[in-house]
């Protein structure tokens, strides 16, 4: 909530050292933080990692990134996300359709 996205890498590293594996909620929160900050490239990088690790299976995380893309004028990334939703058979929610 305080927007300290510079500390995220260290936090995730510390979690791993302490035996606490970051999960879907952890990564979704990180993606949301980058979206709010306007760092869509970093948000998309984390999102791609989630996809690679099969942590992006529903519309919620897609909605988070899509919302960030529209708020910060990144239609290039929004188009990629919509294609991915189709490719991975992620069903759009009513929220998705309203973005």
Protein backbone atom coordinates (compact mmCIF):
# COMPACT_ATOMS: atom_id res chain seq x y z
CA UNK A 1 0.00 0.00 0.00
CA UNK A 2 2.89 2.38 0.51
CA UNK A 3 4.20 1.81 -3.02
CA UNK A 4 7.65 0.60 -1.98
CA UNK A 5 8.09 -1.49 -5.11
CA UNK A 6 11.88 -1.12 -4.97
CA UNK A 7 11.87 -3.37 -1.90
CA UNK A 8 9.86 -6.18 -3.53
CA UNK A 9 12.81 -8.15 -4.90
CA UNK A 10 14.48 -8.16 -1.50
CA UNK A 11 11.24 -9.19 0.18
CA UNK A 12 10.71 -12.16 -2.15
CA UNK A 13 14.35 -13.16 -1.70
CA UNK A 14 13.98 -13.01 2.09
CA UNK A 15 10.80 -15.06 1.93
CA UNK A 16 12.65 -17.81 0.06
CA UNK A 17 15.50 -17.78 2.59
CA UNK A 18 12.96 -18.10 5.41
CA UNK A 19 11.30 -21.06 3.68
CA UNK A 20 8.17 -19.15 2.72
CA UNK A 21 7.46 -19.81 -0.93
CA UNK A 22 5.72 -16.90 -2.70
CA UNK A 23 2.32 -17.99 -4.02
CA UNK A 24 -0.26 -16.70 -6.46
CA UNK A 25 -1.53 -14.10 -3.99
CA UNK A 26 2.01 -12.82 -3.37
CA UNK A 27 2.75 -12.44 -7.06
CA UNK A 28 -0.68 -10.98 -7.83
CA UNK A 29 -0.09 -8.33 -5.17
CA UNK A 30 3.30 -7.53 -6.70
CA UNK A 31 1.75 -7.23 -10.17
CA UNK A 32 -0.95 -4.92 -8.76
CA UNK A 33 1.70 -2.76 -7.09
CA UNK A 34 3.63 -2.32 -10.33
CA UNK A 35 0.39 -1.55 -12.20
CA UNK A 36 -0.61 1.12 -9.68
CA UNK A 37 2.87 2.63 -9.87
CA UNK A 38 2.63 2.66 -13.68
CA UNK A 39 5.52 0.28 -14.27
CA UNK A 40 3.64 -1.94 -16.69
CA UNK A 41 6.79 -3.48 -18.15
CA UNK A 42 7.76 -4.81 -14.72
CA UNK A 43 4.17 -5.88 -13.99
CA UNK A 44 4.10 -7.76 -17.28
CA UNK A 45 7.45 -9.40 -16.49
CA UNK A 46 6.11 -10.72 -13.16
CA UNK A 47 2.86 -11.74 -14.87
CA UNK A 48 4.79 -13.71 -17.52
CA UNK A 49 6.59 -15.52 -14.69
CA UNK A 50 3.20 -16.37 -13.21
CA UNK A 51 2.07 -17.76 -16.55
CA UNK A 52 5.23 -19.82 -16.86
CA UNK A 53 4.63 -21.29 -13.39
CA UNK A 54 0.92 -21.86 -14.05
CA UNK A 55 -0.18 -19.26 -11.53
CA UNK A 56 -2.26 -17.19 -13.97
CA UNK A 57 -5.24 -19.46 -14.55
CA UNK A 58 -8.21 -17.16 -14.06
CA UNK A 59 -9.43 -13.76 -15.15
CA UNK A 60 -8.55 -12.00 -11.88
CA UNK A 61 -4.84 -11.50 -12.60
CA UNK A 62 -5.57 -10.73 -16.25
CA UNK A 63 -8.05 -8.07 -15.10
CA UNK A 64 -5.41 -6.54 -12.83
CA UNK A 65 -2.93 -6.16 -15.66
CA UNK A 66 -5.58 -5.09 -18.20
CA UNK A 67 -6.79 -2.40 -15.82
CA UNK A 68 -3.22 -1.16 -15.36
CA UNK A 69 -2.70 -1.13 -19.13
CA UNK A 70 -5.81 0.95 -19.77
CA UNK A 71 -5.09 3.40 -16.94
CA UNK A 72 -1.56 3.99 -18.23
CA UNK A 73 -2.23 3.88 -21.97
CA UNK A 74 -0.45 0.60 -22.70
CA UNK A 75 -2.82 -0.78 -25.31
CA UNK A 76 0.07 -2.75 -26.82
CA UNK A 77 0.22 -4.91 -23.70
CA UNK A 78 -3.57 -5.01 -23.36
CA UNK A 79 -3.83 -6.52 -26.84
CA UNK A 80 -1.26 -9.18 -25.91
CA UNK A 81 -3.20 -10.02 -22.74
CA UNK A 82 -6.47 -10.40 -24.63
CA UNK A 83 -4.75 -12.74 -27.09
CA UNK A 84 -3.33 -14.73 -24.15
CA UNK A 85 -6.76 -15.02 -22.57
CA UNK A 86 -8.02 -16.57 -25.78
CA UNK A 87 -4.94 -18.78 -26.19
CA UNK A 88 -5.13 -20.13 -22.62
CA UNK A 89 -8.95 -20.33 -22.57
CA UNK A 90 -9.29 -17.83 -19.71
CA UNK A 91 -12.95 -16.85 -19.56
CA UNK A 92 -13.50 -13.09 -19.32
CA UNK A 93 -15.56 -11.92 -16.36
CA UNK A 94 -18.05 -9.09 -16.31
CA UNK A 95 -15.24 -6.94 -14.90
CA UNK A 96 -13.01 -7.85 -17.87
CA UNK A 97 -15.70 -6.70 -20.27
CA UNK A 98 -16.00 -3.37 -18.44
CA UNK A 99 -12.30 -2.50 -18.64
